[in-house]
């Protein structure tokens, strides 16, 4: 019996539910708050990586519209195709976040919202170290993580026909991983969703 590769489950899942997950003009209230706070801390024309960018809405579009140089990466070809259409003034790469590479000190900020939790748990600490290396000194990392430990799948996700898969540690573990990657955590809080939720971290590369 062939066990489906979790990465392929996630890729196919977002290919299938792209429009269900995010409409072309969606701008959830929590994103408005997070992106407003981020932009207050960015230099003009900042280089920003949106890791797990989806269709580019609202993160890449908001930042690109404000004059920042945005690079988005996503596993889903459907999502990347939409992002290139919806946010033509940003750069989008179709790829696996665990495999993508950038030179050290490339970005003023890395945003990773609702994406880490779709990666194999053992790949996440390594990716956090690489994210830290991509940041310039003083660069910001904004990310949502798991709040409690859980790995599993859900069929017919968002009312569609696709299966989705997650793998996440608890907030305390992410706190340790982020710190061990060389980032200073400036704040964190719990973001409720349904009967559960996620942890939102703001961290910074100090040197």
N, C-alpha and C. Protein backbone atom coordinates (compact mmCIF):
# COMPACT_ATOMS: atom_id res chain seq x y z
N UNK A 1 0.85 -1.20 0.00
CA UNK A 1 0.00 0.00 0.00
C UNK A 1 0.89 1.25 0.00
N UNK A 2 0.63 2.14 -0.93
CA UNK A 2 1.38 3.39 -1.01
C UNK A 2 0.78 4.42 -0.07
N UNK A 3 1.58 4.95 0.82
CA UNK A 3 1.13 6.00 1.73
C UNK A 3 1.37 7.34 1.04
N UNK A 4 0.33 8.18 0.90
CA UNK A 4 0.51 9.46 0.21
C UNK A 4 1.56 10.33 0.89
N UNK A 5 2.37 11.00 0.10
CA UNK A 5 3.37 11.92 0.62
C UNK A 5 2.65 13.17 1.14
N UNK A 6 2.89 13.56 2.41
CA UNK A 6 2.18 14.73 2.95
C UNK A 6 2.37 15.98 2.11
N UNK A 7 3.57 16.17 1.55
CA UNK A 7 3.80 17.35 0.72
C UNK A 7 2.87 17.35 -0.49
N UNK A 8 2.65 16.18 -1.07
CA UNK A 8 1.75 16.09 -2.22
C UNK A 8 0.31 16.31 -1.81
N UNK A 9 -0.06 15.85 -0.61
CA UNK A 9 -1.42 16.10 -0.10
C UNK A 9 -1.65 17.60 0.01
N UNK A 10 -0.68 18.32 0.58
CA UNK A 10 -0.81 19.77 0.74
C UNK A 10 -0.86 20.46 -0.61
N UNK A 11 0.03 20.05 -1.51
CA UNK A 11 0.07 20.66 -2.85
C UNK A 11 -1.27 20.47 -3.56
N UNK A 12 -1.74 19.23 -3.61
CA UNK A 12 -3.00 18.96 -4.30
C UNK A 12 -4.18 19.63 -3.59
N UNK A 13 -4.10 19.67 -2.27
CA UNK A 13 -5.17 20.29 -1.50
C UNK A 13 -5.36 21.75 -1.84
N UNK A 14 -4.26 22.50 -1.85
CA UNK A 14 -4.38 23.93 -2.16
C UNK A 14 -4.65 24.17 -3.64
N UNK A 15 -4.16 23.30 -4.51
CA UNK A 15 -4.56 23.41 -5.92
C UNK A 15 -6.08 23.33 -6.04
N UNK A 16 -6.67 22.44 -5.24
CA UNK A 16 -8.10 22.18 -5.33
C UNK A 16 -8.96 23.28 -4.68
N UNK A 17 -8.52 23.79 -3.53
CA UNK A 17 -9.38 24.71 -2.77
C UNK A 17 -8.92 26.16 -2.85
N UNK A 18 -8.04 26.48 -3.78
CA UNK A 18 -7.47 27.82 -3.84
C UNK A 18 -8.53 28.91 -3.70
N UNK A 19 -9.59 28.85 -4.50
CA UNK A 19 -10.60 29.91 -4.47
C UNK A 19 -11.49 29.82 -3.24
N UNK A 20 -11.71 28.61 -2.74
CA UNK A 20 -12.48 28.46 -1.50
C UNK A 20 -11.70 29.06 -0.32
N UNK A 21 -10.39 28.88 -0.35
CA UNK A 21 -9.56 29.33 0.76
C UNK A 21 -9.44 30.85 0.78
N UNK A 22 -9.28 31.46 -0.39
CA UNK A 22 -9.09 32.92 -0.42
C UNK A 22 -9.61 33.48 -1.74
N UNK A 23 -10.58 34.39 -1.64
CA UNK A 23 -11.08 35.06 -2.82
C UNK A 23 -10.11 36.12 -3.32
N UNK A 24 -10.30 36.57 -4.53
CA UNK A 24 -9.38 37.55 -5.13
C UNK A 24 -9.25 38.83 -4.33
N UNK A 25 -10.31 39.19 -3.60
CA UNK A 25 -10.32 40.49 -2.92
C UNK A 25 -10.43 40.35 -1.40
N UNK A 26 -10.20 39.17 -0.88
CA UNK A 26 -10.30 38.96 0.57
C UNK A 26 -9.21 39.73 1.31
N UNK A 27 -9.56 40.25 2.47
CA UNK A 27 -8.59 40.96 3.31
C UNK A 27 -9.03 40.80 4.77
N UNK A 28 -8.79 39.63 5.35
CA UNK A 28 -9.27 39.37 6.71
C UNK A 28 -8.76 40.40 7.70
N UNK A 29 -9.61 40.71 8.69
CA UNK A 29 -9.31 41.80 9.63
C UNK A 29 -7.99 41.60 10.34
N UNK A 30 -7.68 40.35 10.72
CA UNK A 30 -6.43 40.13 11.46
C UNK A 30 -5.21 40.44 10.59
N UNK A 31 -5.31 40.16 9.29
CA UNK A 31 -4.20 40.47 8.39
C UNK A 31 -3.98 41.98 8.29
N UNK A 32 -5.05 42.74 8.28
CA UNK A 32 -4.93 44.20 8.22
C UNK A 32 -4.11 44.70 9.40
N UNK A 33 -4.40 44.19 10.60
CA UNK A 33 -3.67 44.61 11.80
C UNK A 33 -2.21 44.20 11.71
N UNK A 34 -1.95 42.96 11.32
CA UNK A 34 -0.58 42.46 11.28
C UNK A 34 0.25 43.22 10.23
N UNK A 35 -0.33 43.43 9.06
CA UNK A 35 0.42 44.08 7.99
C UNK A 35 0.63 45.57 8.25
N UNK A 36 -0.33 46.20 8.91
CA UNK A 36 -0.16 47.60 9.30
C UNK A 36 1.01 47.72 10.27
N UNK A 37 1.05 46.82 11.25
CA UNK A 37 2.15 46.83 12.21
C UNK A 37 3.49 46.54 11.53
N UNK A 38 3.49 45.59 10.61
CA UNK A 38 4.72 45.25 9.90
C UNK A 38 5.24 46.44 9.11
N UNK A 39 4.34 47.10 8.38
CA UNK A 39 4.78 48.20 7.52
C UNK A 39 5.33 49.38 8.32
N UNK A 40 4.84 49.57 9.53
CA UNK A 40 5.38 50.63 10.38
C UNK A 40 6.84 50.38 10.72
N UNK A 41 7.26 49.12 10.64
CA UNK A 41 8.61 48.76 11.05
C UNK A 41 9.57 48.51 9.88
N UNK A 42 9.06 48.64 8.66
CA UNK A 42 9.89 48.38 7.48
C UNK A 42 10.47 49.65 6.90
N UNK A 43 11.68 49.58 6.35
CA UNK A 43 12.19 50.73 5.59
C UNK A 43 11.44 50.86 4.27
N UNK A 44 11.51 52.01 3.66
CA UNK A 44 10.88 52.20 2.34
C UNK A 44 11.50 51.24 1.34
N UNK A 45 10.66 50.67 0.49
CA UNK A 45 11.14 49.76 -0.54
C UNK A 45 11.81 48.51 0.01
N UNK A 46 11.30 48.02 1.13
CA UNK A 46 11.91 46.85 1.79
C UNK A 46 11.78 45.61 0.92
N UNK A 47 12.75 44.70 1.09
CA UNK A 47 12.69 43.38 0.45
C UNK A 47 12.02 42.43 1.43
N UNK A 48 10.89 41.86 1.01
CA UNK A 48 10.10 41.01 1.90
C UNK A 48 9.85 39.66 1.23
N UNK A 49 10.03 38.59 1.99
CA UNK A 49 9.71 37.24 1.53
C UNK A 49 8.39 36.81 2.15
N UNK A 50 7.44 36.42 1.30
CA UNK A 50 6.16 35.86 1.75
C UNK A 50 6.22 34.36 1.50
N UNK A 51 6.53 33.62 2.55
CA UNK A 51 6.78 32.18 2.44
C UNK A 51 5.48 31.43 2.71
N UNK A 52 4.99 30.74 1.66
CA UNK A 52 3.66 30.17 1.72
C UNK A 52 2.65 31.24 1.36
N UNK A 53 2.92 31.91 0.23
CA UNK A 53 2.20 33.14 -0.14
C UNK A 53 0.79 32.90 -0.64
N UNK A 54 0.44 31.64 -0.96
CA UNK A 54 -0.88 31.39 -1.51
C UNK A 54 -1.09 32.17 -2.80
N UNK A 55 -2.28 32.75 -2.93
CA UNK A 55 -2.61 33.48 -4.15
C UNK A 55 -2.12 34.91 -4.13
N UNK A 56 -1.31 35.26 -3.11
CA UNK A 56 -0.76 36.61 -3.04
C UNK A 56 -1.65 37.61 -2.33
N UNK A 57 -2.84 37.17 -1.92
CA UNK A 57 -3.82 38.04 -1.24
C UNK A 57 -4.00 37.55 0.19
N UNK A 58 -3.90 38.44 1.18
CA UNK A 58 -3.65 39.88 1.04
C UNK A 58 -2.20 40.29 1.26
N UNK A 59 -1.31 39.38 1.70
CA UNK A 59 0.02 39.80 2.17
C UNK A 59 0.85 40.43 1.06
N UNK A 60 1.12 39.66 0.00
CA UNK A 60 1.99 40.18 -1.06
C UNK A 60 1.39 41.42 -1.71
N UNK A 61 0.08 41.39 -1.95
CA UNK A 61 -0.54 42.55 -2.62
C UNK A 61 -0.46 43.80 -1.75
N UNK A 62 -0.76 43.67 -0.46
CA UNK A 62 -0.71 44.83 0.43
C UNK A 62 0.69 45.42 0.47
N UNK A 63 1.69 44.57 0.61
CA UNK A 63 3.07 45.06 0.72
C UNK A 63 3.59 45.60 -0.60
N UNK A 64 3.27 44.92 -1.71
CA UNK A 64 3.72 45.40 -3.01
C UNK A 64 3.05 46.72 -3.37
N UNK A 65 1.77 46.85 -3.03
CA UNK A 65 1.06 48.11 -3.29
C UNK A 65 1.68 49.26 -2.51
N UNK A 66 2.32 48.94 -1.39
CA UNK A 66 2.96 49.98 -0.57
C UNK A 66 4.39 50.27 -1.02
N UNK A 67 4.82 49.65 -2.12
CA UNK A 67 6.12 49.95 -2.68
C UNK A 67 7.25 49.03 -2.22
N UNK A 68 6.90 47.96 -1.51
CA UNK A 68 7.93 47.02 -1.09
C UNK A 68 8.19 45.99 -2.18
N UNK A 69 9.40 45.44 -2.15
CA UNK A 69 9.83 44.45 -3.15
C UNK A 69 9.55 43.06 -2.59
N UNK A 70 8.49 42.45 -3.07
CA UNK A 70 7.97 41.22 -2.48
C UNK A 70 8.32 40.02 -3.35
N UNK A 71 8.82 38.98 -2.70
CA UNK A 71 9.01 37.67 -3.32
C UNK A 71 8.11 36.68 -2.60
N UNK A 72 7.28 35.98 -3.35
CA UNK A 72 6.40 34.97 -2.76
C UNK A 72 6.80 33.58 -3.21
N UNK A 73 6.65 32.62 -2.30
CA UNK A 73 6.95 31.22 -2.59
C UNK A 73 5.76 30.38 -2.16
N UNK A 74 5.34 29.46 -3.01
CA UNK A 74 4.26 28.56 -2.62
C UNK A 74 4.39 27.24 -3.35
N UNK A 75 3.88 26.20 -2.69
CA UNK A 75 3.94 24.83 -3.20
C UNK A 75 2.92 24.58 -4.30
N UNK A 76 1.81 25.32 -4.24
CA UNK A 76 0.68 25.09 -5.14
C UNK A 76 0.83 25.88 -6.44
N UNK A 77 0.83 25.19 -7.55
CA UNK A 77 0.94 25.86 -8.85
C UNK A 77 -0.28 26.73 -9.12
N UNK A 78 -1.44 26.26 -8.71
CA UNK A 78 -2.66 27.06 -8.90
C UNK A 78 -2.55 28.37 -8.12
N UNK A 79 -2.09 28.28 -6.89
CA UNK A 79 -1.95 29.49 -6.07
C UNK A 79 -0.94 30.46 -6.69
N UNK A 80 0.18 29.94 -7.15
CA UNK A 80 1.20 30.81 -7.76
C UNK A 80 0.69 31.44 -9.04
N UNK A 81 -0.02 30.69 -9.86
CA UNK A 81 -0.59 31.26 -11.08
C UNK A 81 -1.54 32.42 -10.74
N UNK A 82 -2.36 32.23 -9.72
CA UNK A 82 -3.27 33.30 -9.30
C UNK A 82 -2.48 34.50 -8.78
N UNK A 83 -1.44 34.22 -7.98
CA UNK A 83 -0.66 35.31 -7.41
C UNK A 83 -0.02 36.16 -8.50
N UNK A 84 0.51 35.51 -9.53
CA UNK A 84 1.14 36.26 -10.61
C UNK A 84 0.13 37.15 -11.34
N UNK A 85 -1.11 36.69 -11.40
CA UNK A 85 -2.15 37.50 -12.04
C UNK A 85 -2.65 38.61 -11.12
N UNK A 86 -2.83 38.28 -9.83
CA UNK A 86 -3.42 39.23 -8.90
C UNK A 86 -2.42 40.28 -8.41
N UNK A 87 -1.14 39.91 -8.38
CA UNK A 87 -0.11 40.84 -7.87
C UNK A 87 1.04 40.87 -8.87
N UNK A 88 0.83 41.50 -10.04
CA UNK A 88 1.84 41.46 -11.10
C UNK A 88 3.12 42.21 -10.75
N UNK A 89 3.08 43.07 -9.74
CA UNK A 89 4.26 43.85 -9.38
C UNK A 89 5.06 43.19 -8.25
N UNK A 90 4.86 41.90 -8.02
CA UNK A 90 5.69 41.11 -7.11
C UNK A 90 6.26 39.94 -7.90
N UNK A 91 7.20 39.23 -7.28
CA UNK A 91 7.85 38.07 -7.90
C UNK A 91 7.39 36.82 -7.17
N UNK A 92 6.96 35.81 -7.93
CA UNK A 92 6.46 34.59 -7.31
C UNK A 92 7.20 33.37 -7.84
N UNK A 93 7.59 32.50 -6.91
CA UNK A 93 8.32 31.28 -7.22
C UNK A 93 7.51 30.07 -6.81
N UNK A 94 7.35 29.14 -7.74
CA UNK A 94 6.66 27.89 -7.43
C UNK A 94 7.68 26.92 -6.86
N UNK A 95 7.57 26.60 -5.57
CA UNK A 95 8.55 25.73 -4.96
C UNK A 95 8.18 25.33 -3.55
N UNK A 96 8.97 24.41 -3.00
CA UNK A 96 8.80 23.87 -1.66
C UNK A 96 9.62 24.73 -0.71
N UNK A 97 8.99 25.25 0.32
CA UNK A 97 9.69 26.13 1.27
C UNK A 97 10.89 25.44 1.91
N UNK A 98 10.84 24.13 2.04
CA UNK A 98 11.95 23.42 2.67
C UNK A 98 13.12 23.24 1.71
N UNK A 99 12.93 23.52 0.43
CA UNK A 99 13.98 23.33 -0.57
C UNK A 99 14.48 24.65 -1.18
N UNK A 100 13.70 25.69 -1.06
CA UNK A 100 14.05 26.96 -1.69
C UNK A 100 15.31 27.54 -1.04
N UNK A 101 16.10 28.29 -1.79
CA UNK A 101 17.33 28.86 -1.24
C UNK A 101 17.46 30.33 -1.64
N UNK A 102 17.96 31.13 -0.72
CA UNK A 102 18.26 32.53 -0.97
C UNK A 102 19.61 32.85 -0.34
N UNK A 103 20.31 33.86 -0.85
CA UNK A 103 21.56 34.28 -0.20
C UNK A 103 21.29 34.81 1.22
N UNK A 104 22.31 34.72 2.06
CA UNK A 104 22.21 35.28 3.39
C UNK A 104 21.92 36.78 3.32
N UNK A 105 21.17 37.26 4.29
CA UNK A 105 20.89 38.69 4.45
C UNK A 105 20.23 39.31 3.22
N UNK A 106 19.27 38.60 2.66
CA UNK A 106 18.55 39.07 1.47
C UNK A 106 17.35 39.94 1.81
N UNK A 107 16.68 39.64 2.92
CA UNK A 107 15.36 40.24 3.18
C UNK A 107 15.33 41.09 4.45
N UNK A 108 14.52 42.15 4.38
CA UNK A 108 14.23 42.97 5.55
C UNK A 108 13.16 42.34 6.43
N UNK A 109 12.35 41.46 5.85
CA UNK A 109 11.32 40.75 6.62
C UNK A 109 10.97 39.45 5.91
N UNK A 110 10.61 38.47 6.71
CA UNK A 110 10.06 37.21 6.20
C UNK A 110 8.71 37.00 6.89
N UNK A 111 7.68 36.83 6.08
CA UNK A 111 6.33 36.58 6.58
C UNK A 111 5.97 35.13 6.24
N UNK A 112 5.49 34.40 7.24
CA UNK A 112 5.14 32.99 7.02
C UNK A 112 3.87 32.69 7.81
N UNK A 113 2.73 32.95 7.19
CA UNK A 113 1.43 32.82 7.86
C UNK A 113 0.71 31.56 7.41
N UNK A 114 0.37 30.71 8.38
CA UNK A 114 -0.40 29.48 8.13
C UNK A 114 0.29 28.57 7.12
N UNK A 115 1.62 28.54 7.15
CA UNK A 115 2.37 27.72 6.20
C UNK A 115 3.29 26.72 6.90
N UNK A 116 4.00 27.15 7.94
CA UNK A 116 4.88 26.22 8.66
C UNK A 116 4.16 24.94 9.05
N UNK A 117 2.91 25.08 9.47
CA UNK A 117 2.14 23.95 10.01
C UNK A 117 1.75 22.92 8.94
N UNK A 118 2.05 23.22 7.68
CA UNK A 118 1.82 22.24 6.61
C UNK A 118 3.11 21.50 6.24
N UNK A 119 4.20 21.78 6.94
CA UNK A 119 5.49 21.14 6.63
C UNK A 119 5.75 20.00 7.60
N UNK A 120 6.48 18.98 7.16
CA UNK A 120 6.83 17.90 8.09
C UNK A 120 7.52 18.48 9.33
N UNK A 121 7.13 18.00 10.48
CA UNK A 121 7.59 18.60 11.74
C UNK A 121 9.10 18.61 11.85
N UNK A 122 9.77 17.57 11.34
CA UNK A 122 11.23 17.53 11.49
C UNK A 122 11.94 18.51 10.55
N UNK A 123 11.22 19.04 9.56
CA UNK A 123 11.81 20.01 8.64
C UNK A 123 11.68 21.44 9.15
N UNK A 124 10.81 21.65 10.12
CA UNK A 124 10.52 23.02 10.54
C UNK A 124 11.67 23.71 11.28
N UNK A 125 12.37 23.06 12.21
CA UNK A 125 13.49 23.76 12.86
C UNK A 125 14.59 24.14 11.86
N UNK A 126 14.87 23.27 10.90
CA UNK A 126 15.89 23.58 9.89
C UNK A 126 15.48 24.78 9.06
N UNK A 127 14.20 24.84 8.69
CA UNK A 127 13.72 25.97 7.90
C UNK A 127 13.83 27.27 8.71
N UNK A 128 13.53 27.23 9.99
CA UNK A 128 13.63 28.43 10.81
C UNK A 128 15.07 28.94 10.86
N UNK A 129 16.04 28.05 10.91
CA UNK A 129 17.44 28.46 10.86
C UNK A 129 17.75 29.13 9.52
N UNK A 130 17.23 28.59 8.43
CA UNK A 130 17.48 29.17 7.12
C UNK A 130 16.80 30.53 6.99
N UNK A 131 15.58 30.65 7.51
CA UNK A 131 14.88 31.94 7.49
C UNK A 131 15.70 32.99 8.22
N UNK A 132 16.24 32.62 9.37
CA UNK A 132 17.06 33.57 10.13
C UNK A 132 18.26 34.03 9.31
N UNK A 133 18.85 33.11 8.56
CA UNK A 133 20.03 33.47 7.75
C UNK A 133 19.65 34.39 6.60
N UNK A 134 18.42 34.27 6.10
CA UNK A 134 17.99 35.11 4.98
C UNK A 134 17.70 36.54 5.42
N UNK A 135 17.49 36.75 6.71
CA UNK A 135 17.16 38.09 7.20
C UNK A 135 18.40 38.94 7.36
N UNK A 136 18.26 40.22 7.05
CA UNK A 136 19.32 41.17 7.34
C UNK A 136 19.32 41.47 8.84
N UNK A 137 20.44 41.94 9.38
CA UNK A 137 20.44 42.35 10.79
C UNK A 137 19.31 43.34 11.06
N UNK A 138 18.54 43.08 12.09
CA UNK A 138 17.38 43.90 12.39
C UNK A 138 16.13 43.47 11.65
N UNK A 139 16.26 42.47 10.77
CA UNK A 139 15.12 42.02 9.97
C UNK A 139 14.06 41.33 10.82
N UNK A 140 12.82 41.43 10.36
CA UNK A 140 11.67 40.93 11.11
C UNK A 140 11.17 39.59 10.58
N UNK A 141 10.72 38.76 11.49
CA UNK A 141 10.07 37.50 11.15
C UNK A 141 8.68 37.52 11.77
N UNK A 142 7.66 37.40 10.93
CA UNK A 142 6.26 37.36 11.36
C UNK A 142 5.70 36.01 10.94
N UNK A 143 5.23 35.22 11.91
CA UNK A 143 4.79 33.87 11.57
C UNK A 143 3.67 33.40 12.48
N UNK A 144 2.80 32.58 11.92
CA UNK A 144 1.87 31.81 12.74
C UNK A 144 2.39 30.38 12.82
N UNK A 145 2.24 29.80 14.00
CA UNK A 145 2.65 28.42 14.25
C UNK A 145 1.50 27.67 14.90
N UNK A 146 1.75 26.42 15.22
CA UNK A 146 0.78 25.71 16.04
C UNK A 146 0.79 26.27 17.45
N UNK A 147 -0.35 26.15 18.13
CA UNK A 147 -0.43 26.49 19.55
C UNK A 147 -0.39 25.21 20.39
N UNK A 148 -0.89 24.13 19.83
CA UNK A 148 -0.80 22.82 20.50
C UNK A 148 -0.28 21.80 19.49
N UNK A 149 0.33 20.77 20.01
CA UNK A 149 0.93 19.74 19.16
C UNK A 149 -0.16 18.89 18.49
N UNK A 150 -0.03 18.72 17.19
CA UNK A 150 -1.01 17.87 16.49
C UNK A 150 -0.50 17.59 15.08
N UNK A 151 -0.67 16.37 14.63
CA UNK A 151 -0.42 15.99 13.24
C UNK A 151 -1.62 15.18 12.77
N UNK A 152 -2.13 15.53 11.61
CA UNK A 152 -3.29 14.80 11.09
C UNK A 152 -3.78 15.37 9.78
N UNK A 153 -4.83 14.76 9.27
CA UNK A 153 -5.40 15.15 7.98
C UNK A 153 -6.91 15.33 8.13
N UNK A 154 -7.48 16.07 7.20
CA UNK A 154 -8.92 16.28 7.17
C UNK A 154 -9.41 16.11 5.73
N UNK A 155 -10.33 15.19 5.53
CA UNK A 155 -10.93 15.00 4.21
C UNK A 155 -11.97 16.08 3.96
N UNK A 156 -12.24 16.34 2.67
CA UNK A 156 -13.26 17.32 2.27
C UNK A 156 -13.07 18.66 2.97
N UNK A 157 -11.80 19.10 2.99
CA UNK A 157 -11.46 20.34 3.68
C UNK A 157 -12.17 21.53 3.05
N UNK A 158 -12.69 22.41 3.89
CA UNK A 158 -13.41 23.62 3.48
C UNK A 158 -14.61 23.30 2.59
N UNK A 159 -15.14 22.10 2.75
CA UNK A 159 -16.32 21.72 1.98
C UNK A 159 -16.04 21.29 0.56
N UNK A 160 -14.74 21.16 0.22
CA UNK A 160 -14.38 20.71 -1.12
C UNK A 160 -14.17 19.21 -1.16
N UNK A 161 -13.46 18.75 -2.18
CA UNK A 161 -13.23 17.31 -2.35
C UNK A 161 -11.82 16.91 -1.91
N UNK A 162 -11.00 17.88 -1.53
CA UNK A 162 -9.59 17.61 -1.25
C UNK A 162 -9.35 17.28 0.22
N UNK A 163 -8.25 16.56 0.43
CA UNK A 163 -7.75 16.30 1.78
C UNK A 163 -6.65 17.31 2.08
N UNK A 164 -6.58 17.76 3.36
CA UNK A 164 -5.50 18.63 3.78
C UNK A 164 -4.78 17.99 4.96
N UNK A 165 -3.49 18.33 5.10
CA UNK A 165 -2.62 17.72 6.11
C UNK A 165 -1.86 18.79 6.88
N UNK A 166 -1.71 18.57 8.17
CA UNK A 166 -0.98 19.49 9.04
C UNK A 166 -0.03 18.71 9.94
N UNK A 167 1.03 19.39 10.37
CA UNK A 167 1.93 18.83 11.38
C UNK A 167 2.52 19.99 12.16
N UNK A 168 2.20 20.03 13.45
CA UNK A 168 2.62 21.19 14.23
C UNK A 168 3.02 20.79 15.64
N UNK A 169 3.97 21.56 16.18
CA UNK A 169 4.35 21.43 17.58
C UNK A 169 3.51 22.40 18.40
N UNK A 170 3.79 22.46 19.71
CA UNK A 170 3.07 23.42 20.54
C UNK A 170 3.83 24.75 20.59
N UNK A 171 3.21 25.75 21.18
CA UNK A 171 3.77 27.10 21.17
C UNK A 171 5.12 27.15 21.88
N UNK A 172 5.27 26.43 22.98
CA UNK A 172 6.53 26.44 23.72
C UNK A 172 7.67 25.89 22.87
N UNK A 173 7.39 24.87 22.09
CA UNK A 173 8.42 24.29 21.22
C UNK A 173 8.82 25.27 20.14
N UNK A 174 7.82 25.93 19.52
CA UNK A 174 8.16 26.94 18.51
C UNK A 174 8.96 28.08 19.12
N UNK A 175 8.64 28.45 20.33
CA UNK A 175 9.40 29.50 21.02
C UNK A 175 10.88 29.10 21.10
N UNK A 176 11.12 27.86 21.46
CA UNK A 176 12.49 27.35 21.55
C UNK A 176 13.16 27.32 20.19
N UNK A 177 12.45 26.80 19.19
CA UNK A 177 13.03 26.68 17.84
C UNK A 177 13.39 28.06 17.28
N UNK A 178 12.50 29.03 17.45
CA UNK A 178 12.76 30.37 16.91
C UNK A 178 13.98 30.99 17.58
N UNK A 179 14.07 30.83 18.88
CA UNK A 179 15.21 31.37 19.62
C UNK A 179 16.50 30.66 19.22
N UNK A 180 16.44 29.34 19.09
CA UNK A 180 17.63 28.58 18.70
C UNK A 180 18.08 28.91 17.29
N UNK A 181 17.16 29.39 16.46
CA UNK A 181 17.52 29.79 15.09
C UNK A 181 18.29 31.11 15.07
N UNK A 182 18.34 31.79 16.22
CA UNK A 182 19.09 33.04 16.30
C UNK A 182 18.22 34.28 16.22
N UNK A 183 16.93 34.11 16.46
CA UNK A 183 16.01 35.24 16.41
C UNK A 183 15.56 35.60 17.82
N UNK A 184 15.37 36.88 18.06
CA UNK A 184 14.87 37.37 19.34
C UNK A 184 13.36 37.57 19.24
N UNK A 185 12.61 36.86 20.05
CA UNK A 185 11.15 37.00 20.04
C UNK A 185 10.76 38.30 20.73
N UNK A 186 10.01 39.14 20.03
CA UNK A 186 9.60 40.43 20.58
C UNK A 186 8.20 40.36 21.17
N UNK A 187 7.33 39.54 20.59
CA UNK A 187 5.99 39.36 21.15
C UNK A 187 5.37 38.11 20.55
N UNK A 188 4.34 37.63 21.23
CA UNK A 188 3.57 36.50 20.70
C UNK A 188 2.18 36.55 21.33
N UNK A 189 1.22 36.04 20.60
CA UNK A 189 -0.10 35.88 21.20
C UNK A 189 -0.89 34.80 20.46
N UNK A 190 -1.93 34.32 21.11
CA UNK A 190 -2.78 33.26 20.58
C UNK A 190 -3.82 33.86 19.65
N UNK A 191 -3.99 33.22 18.49
CA UNK A 191 -4.99 33.66 17.50
C UNK A 191 -6.06 32.58 17.42
N UNK A 192 -7.24 32.81 17.97
CA UNK A 192 -8.27 31.76 17.97
C UNK A 192 -8.77 31.44 16.56
N UNK A 193 -9.11 30.19 16.35
CA UNK A 193 -9.77 29.77 15.11
C UNK A 193 -10.62 28.55 15.43
N UNK A 194 -11.91 28.69 15.26
CA UNK A 194 -12.81 27.59 15.58
C UNK A 194 -12.65 27.16 17.03
N UNK A 195 -12.48 25.85 17.24
CA UNK A 195 -12.30 25.32 18.60
C UNK A 195 -10.84 25.33 19.03
N UNK A 196 -9.96 25.80 18.14
CA UNK A 196 -8.53 25.84 18.45
C UNK A 196 -7.94 27.18 18.09
N UNK A 197 -6.75 27.15 17.51
CA UNK A 197 -6.12 28.38 17.10
C UNK A 197 -4.65 28.21 16.83
N UNK A 198 -3.97 29.31 16.66
CA UNK A 198 -2.55 29.33 16.32
C UNK A 198 -1.83 30.33 17.21
N UNK A 199 -0.52 30.27 17.18
CA UNK A 199 0.31 31.24 17.90
C UNK A 199 0.96 32.17 16.89
N UNK A 200 0.87 33.46 17.14
CA UNK A 200 1.48 34.47 16.27
C UNK A 200 2.75 34.97 16.93
N UNK A 201 3.86 34.88 16.20
CA UNK A 201 5.15 35.34 16.71
C UNK A 201 5.67 36.52 15.89
N UNK A 202 6.21 37.50 16.62
CA UNK A 202 7.03 38.55 16.03
C UNK A 202 8.45 38.36 16.55
N UNK A 203 9.42 38.22 15.67
CA UNK A 203 10.80 38.01 16.10
C UNK A 203 11.72 38.84 15.20
N UNK A 204 12.97 39.01 15.64
CA UNK A 204 13.88 39.88 14.91
C UNK A 204 15.28 39.29 14.95
N UNK A 205 15.99 39.41 13.83
CA UNK A 205 17.40 39.03 13.80
C UNK A 205 18.22 40.19 14.37
N UNK A 206 18.96 39.92 15.42
CA UNK A 206 19.65 41.00 16.12
C UNK A 206 21.01 41.33 15.51
N UNK A 207 21.63 40.37 14.81
CA UNK A 207 22.96 40.64 14.26
C UNK A 207 23.19 39.79 13.01
